[in-house]
């Protein structure tokens, strides 16, 4: 009697588990376990050139005839690496990251 009750409860739990797992695709949790991507930025107006400015000092690092976006990196003529953190109209503000040492070989 006890074995019969145990097998009945185990079978019922197994059946409920199989039904729950097989119905997961119906739930709106499709992106629950996926890696969340960074939200897209609003499209910016494209200019003929962009001026890249040091965020701390306000010095002009360079002007480029390319579209500049957040996350772009700039290597200045004195081997300092900057990363663009903000773009306002045709001015991109870059933050100092590190000094770059170039080997002469």
N, C-alpha and C. Protein backbone atom coordinates (compact mmCIF):
# COMPACT_ATOMS: atom_id res chain seq x y z
N UNK A 1 0.82 -1.19 0.00
CA UNK A 1 0.00 0.00 0.00
C UNK A 1 0.87 1.26 0.00
N UNK A 2 1.92 1.22 0.83
CA UNK A 2 2.82 2.38 0.91
C UNK A 2 3.61 2.55 -0.38
N UNK A 3 4.03 1.42 -0.98
CA UNK A 3 4.74 1.49 -2.26
C UNK A 3 3.85 2.04 -3.35
N UNK A 4 2.62 1.63 -3.36
CA UNK A 4 1.67 2.09 -4.38
C UNK A 4 1.44 3.59 -4.25
N UNK A 5 1.30 4.08 -3.03
CA UNK A 5 1.09 5.52 -2.80
C UNK A 5 2.35 6.30 -3.21
N UNK A 6 3.53 5.78 -2.89
CA UNK A 6 4.79 6.43 -3.27
C UNK A 6 4.92 6.53 -4.79
N UNK A 7 4.64 5.43 -5.50
CA UNK A 7 4.72 5.46 -6.96
C UNK A 7 3.68 6.40 -7.57
N UNK A 8 2.52 6.50 -6.97
CA UNK A 8 1.48 7.41 -7.45
C UNK A 8 1.93 8.85 -7.29
N UNK A 9 2.48 9.19 -6.12
CA UNK A 9 2.94 10.57 -5.88
C UNK A 9 4.14 10.90 -6.78
N UNK A 10 5.06 9.96 -6.93
CA UNK A 10 6.22 10.19 -7.79
C UNK A 10 5.78 10.35 -9.24
N UNK A 11 4.84 9.54 -9.68
CA UNK A 11 4.35 9.66 -11.06
C UNK A 11 3.63 10.98 -11.28
N UNK A 12 2.84 11.42 -10.30
CA UNK A 12 2.13 12.70 -10.42
C UNK A 12 3.12 13.85 -10.48
N UNK A 13 4.15 13.83 -9.64
CA UNK A 13 5.17 14.88 -9.67
C UNK A 13 5.93 14.89 -10.99
N UNK A 14 6.24 13.71 -11.50
CA UNK A 14 6.92 13.63 -12.79
C UNK A 14 6.05 14.19 -13.91
N UNK A 15 4.77 13.87 -13.88
CA UNK A 15 3.84 14.37 -14.90
C UNK A 15 3.71 15.90 -14.83
N UNK A 16 3.58 16.43 -13.63
CA UNK A 16 3.48 17.89 -13.46
C UNK A 16 4.77 18.56 -13.93
N UNK A 17 5.92 17.98 -13.63
CA UNK A 17 7.20 18.55 -14.05
C UNK A 17 7.34 18.55 -15.57
N UNK A 18 6.96 17.46 -16.20
CA UNK A 18 7.04 17.38 -17.67
C UNK A 18 6.11 18.40 -18.31
N UNK A 19 4.90 18.54 -17.80
CA UNK A 19 3.94 19.52 -18.35
C UNK A 19 4.47 20.94 -18.15
N UNK A 20 5.03 21.23 -16.98
CA UNK A 20 5.55 22.58 -16.71
C UNK A 20 6.72 22.92 -17.62
N UNK A 21 7.64 21.99 -17.78
CA UNK A 21 8.81 22.25 -18.63
C UNK A 21 8.41 22.37 -20.09
N UNK A 22 7.48 21.55 -20.53
CA UNK A 22 7.08 21.62 -21.95
C UNK A 22 6.26 22.85 -22.26
N UNK A 23 5.64 23.49 -21.26
CA UNK A 23 4.84 24.69 -21.53
C UNK A 23 5.64 25.98 -21.31
N UNK A 24 6.91 25.89 -20.97
CA UNK A 24 7.72 27.10 -20.77
C UNK A 24 7.83 27.94 -22.03
N UNK A 25 7.80 27.31 -23.18
CA UNK A 25 7.93 28.09 -24.42
C UNK A 25 6.72 28.98 -24.67
N UNK A 26 5.64 28.76 -23.97
CA UNK A 26 4.45 29.58 -24.13
C UNK A 26 4.52 30.86 -23.30
N UNK A 27 5.37 30.89 -22.31
CA UNK A 27 5.47 32.05 -21.44
C UNK A 27 6.30 33.15 -22.11
N UNK A 28 6.05 34.41 -21.77
CA UNK A 28 6.84 35.51 -22.38
C UNK A 28 8.18 35.70 -21.71
N UNK A 29 8.87 34.63 -21.38
CA UNK A 29 10.18 34.71 -20.74
C UNK A 29 11.28 34.35 -21.72
N UNK A 30 11.08 34.61 -22.98
CA UNK A 30 12.04 34.19 -23.99
C UNK A 30 13.41 34.82 -23.78
N UNK A 31 13.45 36.05 -23.32
CA UNK A 31 14.72 36.74 -23.15
C UNK A 31 15.22 36.67 -21.71
N UNK A 32 14.58 35.86 -20.90
CA UNK A 32 14.93 35.81 -19.49
C UNK A 32 16.36 35.33 -19.26
N UNK A 33 16.79 34.31 -19.97
CA UNK A 33 18.12 33.76 -19.76
C UNK A 33 19.14 34.25 -20.77
N UNK A 34 18.74 35.07 -21.72
CA UNK A 34 19.67 35.57 -22.72
C UNK A 34 20.44 36.76 -22.18
N UNK A 35 21.59 37.01 -22.74
CA UNK A 35 22.39 38.17 -22.37
C UNK A 35 21.69 39.42 -22.89
N UNK A 36 21.48 40.37 -22.02
CA UNK A 36 20.81 41.60 -22.40
C UNK A 36 21.79 42.51 -23.14
N UNK A 37 21.36 42.97 -24.29
CA UNK A 37 22.21 43.87 -25.05
C UNK A 37 21.98 45.30 -24.62
N UNK A 38 22.98 46.12 -24.86
CA UNK A 38 22.91 47.52 -24.53
C UNK A 38 21.82 48.18 -25.36
N UNK A 39 20.97 49.03 -24.75
CA UNK A 39 19.92 49.67 -25.53
C UNK A 39 20.51 50.56 -26.61
N UNK A 40 19.84 50.60 -27.74
CA UNK A 40 20.34 51.41 -28.85
C UNK A 40 20.22 52.89 -28.54
N UNK A 41 21.22 53.63 -28.98
CA UNK A 41 21.21 55.07 -28.78
C UNK A 41 20.33 55.71 -29.86
N UNK A 42 19.78 56.85 -29.52
CA UNK A 42 18.99 57.58 -30.49
C UNK A 42 19.90 57.99 -31.64
N UNK A 43 19.43 57.91 -32.88
CA UNK A 43 20.29 58.28 -34.00
C UNK A 43 20.69 59.75 -33.92
N UNK A 44 21.94 60.00 -34.18
CA UNK A 44 22.43 61.37 -34.13
C UNK A 44 22.55 61.94 -35.54
N UNK A 45 22.48 63.25 -35.61
CA UNK A 45 22.64 63.92 -36.89
C UNK A 45 24.08 63.76 -37.35
N UNK A 46 24.28 63.51 -38.62
CA UNK A 46 25.61 63.30 -39.17
C UNK A 46 26.17 64.64 -39.66
N UNK A 47 27.39 64.92 -39.22
CA UNK A 47 28.06 66.16 -39.62
C UNK A 47 29.21 65.84 -40.56
N UNK A 48 29.73 66.86 -41.24
CA UNK A 48 30.85 66.68 -42.16
C UNK A 48 32.15 66.36 -41.42
N UNK A 49 32.30 66.89 -40.21
CA UNK A 49 33.49 66.63 -39.42
C UNK A 49 33.11 66.69 -37.94
N UNK A 50 33.94 66.09 -37.12
CA UNK A 50 33.74 66.10 -35.67
C UNK A 50 35.02 66.59 -35.00
N UNK A 51 34.86 67.41 -33.99
CA UNK A 51 35.99 67.90 -33.20
C UNK A 51 36.00 67.09 -31.91
N UNK A 52 37.14 66.47 -31.63
CA UNK A 52 37.26 65.67 -30.42
C UNK A 52 37.99 66.51 -29.38
N UNK A 53 37.37 66.63 -28.21
CA UNK A 53 37.84 67.52 -27.16
C UNK A 53 38.14 66.71 -25.90
N UNK A 54 39.24 67.04 -25.23
CA UNK A 54 39.56 66.41 -23.94
C UNK A 54 38.52 66.87 -22.92
N UNK A 55 37.88 65.93 -22.26
CA UNK A 55 36.79 66.24 -21.34
C UNK A 55 37.27 67.06 -20.14
N UNK A 56 38.45 66.80 -19.63
CA UNK A 56 38.92 67.48 -18.43
C UNK A 56 39.50 68.86 -18.71
N UNK A 57 40.34 68.95 -19.73
CA UNK A 57 41.04 70.21 -19.98
C UNK A 57 40.34 71.09 -21.00
N UNK A 58 39.52 70.52 -21.85
CA UNK A 58 38.87 71.29 -22.90
C UNK A 58 39.74 71.50 -24.12
N UNK A 59 40.93 70.89 -24.15
CA UNK A 59 41.82 71.02 -25.30
C UNK A 59 41.27 70.24 -26.49
N UNK A 60 41.48 70.80 -27.68
CA UNK A 60 41.08 70.12 -28.90
C UNK A 60 42.13 69.06 -29.22
N UNK A 61 41.68 67.83 -29.31
CA UNK A 61 42.61 66.74 -29.63
C UNK A 61 42.78 66.59 -31.13
N UNK A 62 41.67 66.60 -31.86
CA UNK A 62 41.75 66.48 -33.32
C UNK A 62 40.38 66.74 -33.92
N UNK A 63 40.38 66.93 -35.22
CA UNK A 63 39.15 67.03 -36.00
C UNK A 63 39.20 65.92 -37.04
N UNK A 64 38.11 65.19 -37.16
CA UNK A 64 38.09 64.04 -38.08
C UNK A 64 36.88 64.13 -39.00
N UNK A 65 37.04 63.71 -40.25
CA UNK A 65 35.92 63.70 -41.19
C UNK A 65 35.13 62.40 -41.13
N UNK A 66 35.00 61.82 -39.93
CA UNK A 66 34.30 60.56 -39.73
C UNK A 66 33.19 60.75 -38.70
N UNK A 67 32.21 59.89 -38.72
CA UNK A 67 31.17 59.93 -37.70
C UNK A 67 31.75 59.35 -36.42
N UNK A 68 31.64 60.09 -35.34
CA UNK A 68 32.20 59.69 -34.05
C UNK A 68 31.06 59.27 -33.14
N UNK A 69 31.25 58.16 -32.42
CA UNK A 69 30.23 57.68 -31.50
C UNK A 69 30.81 57.39 -30.13
N UNK A 70 29.94 57.22 -29.17
CA UNK A 70 30.37 56.90 -27.81
C UNK A 70 31.08 55.55 -27.81
N UNK A 71 32.22 55.49 -27.15
CA UNK A 71 33.01 54.27 -27.09
C UNK A 71 34.16 54.25 -28.08
N UNK A 72 34.16 55.16 -29.05
CA UNK A 72 35.28 55.23 -29.99
C UNK A 72 36.54 55.64 -29.24
N UNK A 73 37.68 55.15 -29.70
CA UNK A 73 38.95 55.47 -29.06
C UNK A 73 39.80 56.34 -29.98
N UNK A 74 40.56 57.22 -29.34
CA UNK A 74 41.41 58.16 -30.07
C UNK A 74 42.80 58.09 -29.48
N UNK A 75 43.80 57.97 -30.34
CA UNK A 75 45.19 58.02 -29.91
C UNK A 75 45.75 59.36 -30.35
N UNK A 76 46.09 60.21 -29.40
CA UNK A 76 46.57 61.55 -29.73
C UNK A 76 48.02 61.49 -30.21
N UNK A 77 48.50 62.61 -30.72
CA UNK A 77 49.86 62.64 -31.27
C UNK A 77 50.93 62.49 -30.19
N UNK A 78 50.57 62.70 -28.91
CA UNK A 78 51.54 62.48 -27.84
C UNK A 78 51.30 61.12 -27.15
N UNK A 79 50.72 60.18 -27.90
CA UNK A 79 50.53 58.79 -27.49
C UNK A 79 49.69 58.63 -26.22
N UNK A 80 48.63 59.39 -26.13
CA UNK A 80 47.67 59.25 -25.04
C UNK A 80 46.37 58.70 -25.63
N UNK A 81 45.85 57.67 -24.98
CA UNK A 81 44.63 57.04 -25.46
C UNK A 81 43.43 57.66 -24.76
N UNK A 82 42.44 58.05 -25.56
CA UNK A 82 41.21 58.64 -25.05
C UNK A 82 40.03 57.81 -25.55
N UNK A 83 38.94 57.82 -24.77
CA UNK A 83 37.70 57.15 -25.19
C UNK A 83 36.58 58.18 -25.18
N UNK A 84 35.80 58.21 -26.26
CA UNK A 84 34.70 59.16 -26.38
C UNK A 84 33.59 58.76 -25.42
N UNK A 85 33.16 59.73 -24.59
CA UNK A 85 32.12 59.46 -23.60
C UNK A 85 30.83 60.23 -23.86
N UNK A 86 30.92 61.26 -24.71
CA UNK A 86 29.72 62.08 -24.96
C UNK A 86 29.88 62.76 -26.31
N UNK A 87 28.77 62.84 -27.05
CA UNK A 87 28.78 63.52 -28.35
C UNK A 87 27.64 64.54 -28.34
N UNK A 88 28.00 65.80 -28.57
CA UNK A 88 27.01 66.87 -28.66
C UNK A 88 27.22 67.58 -29.99
N UNK A 89 26.24 67.46 -30.85
CA UNK A 89 26.32 67.99 -32.20
C UNK A 89 27.58 67.46 -32.87
N UNK A 90 28.50 68.36 -33.29
CA UNK A 90 29.71 67.85 -33.94
C UNK A 90 30.92 67.90 -33.01
N UNK A 91 30.68 67.93 -31.70
CA UNK A 91 31.76 67.92 -30.73
C UNK A 91 31.68 66.63 -29.91
N UNK A 92 32.78 65.91 -29.89
CA UNK A 92 32.86 64.66 -29.14
C UNK A 92 33.82 64.89 -27.97
N UNK A 93 33.37 64.54 -26.77
CA UNK A 93 34.17 64.71 -25.57
C UNK A 93 34.78 63.37 -25.19
N UNK A 94 36.11 63.37 -25.05
CA UNK A 94 36.84 62.13 -24.79
C UNK A 94 37.49 62.18 -23.42
N UNK A 95 37.53 61.02 -22.77
CA UNK A 95 38.13 60.89 -21.44
C UNK A 95 39.46 60.15 -21.57
N UNK A 96 40.48 60.64 -20.86
CA UNK A 96 41.80 60.02 -20.88
C UNK A 96 41.71 58.61 -20.30
N UNK A 97 42.33 57.64 -20.99
CA UNK A 97 42.34 56.25 -20.53
C UNK A 97 43.72 55.87 -20.01
N UNK A 98 44.75 56.02 -20.87
CA UNK A 98 46.10 55.64 -20.45
C UNK A 98 47.11 56.16 -21.46
N UNK A 99 48.37 56.16 -21.04
CA UNK A 99 49.47 56.47 -21.95
C UNK A 99 49.83 55.19 -22.71
N UNK A 100 50.14 55.34 -23.99
CA UNK A 100 50.50 54.20 -24.82
C UNK A 100 51.97 54.30 -25.14
N UNK A 101 52.69 53.19 -24.94
CA UNK A 101 54.12 53.14 -25.25
C UNK A 101 54.27 52.38 -26.54
N UNK A 102 54.82 53.03 -27.56
CA UNK A 102 55.05 52.41 -28.85
C UNK A 102 56.50 51.96 -28.94
N UNK A 103 56.70 50.71 -29.26
CA UNK A 103 58.06 50.17 -29.37
C UNK A 103 58.64 50.47 -30.75
N UNK A 104 59.90 50.88 -30.78
CA UNK A 104 60.61 51.06 -32.04
C UNK A 104 61.42 49.79 -32.30
N UNK A 105 61.07 49.05 -33.32
CA UNK A 105 61.79 47.81 -33.63
C UNK A 105 62.30 47.85 -35.03
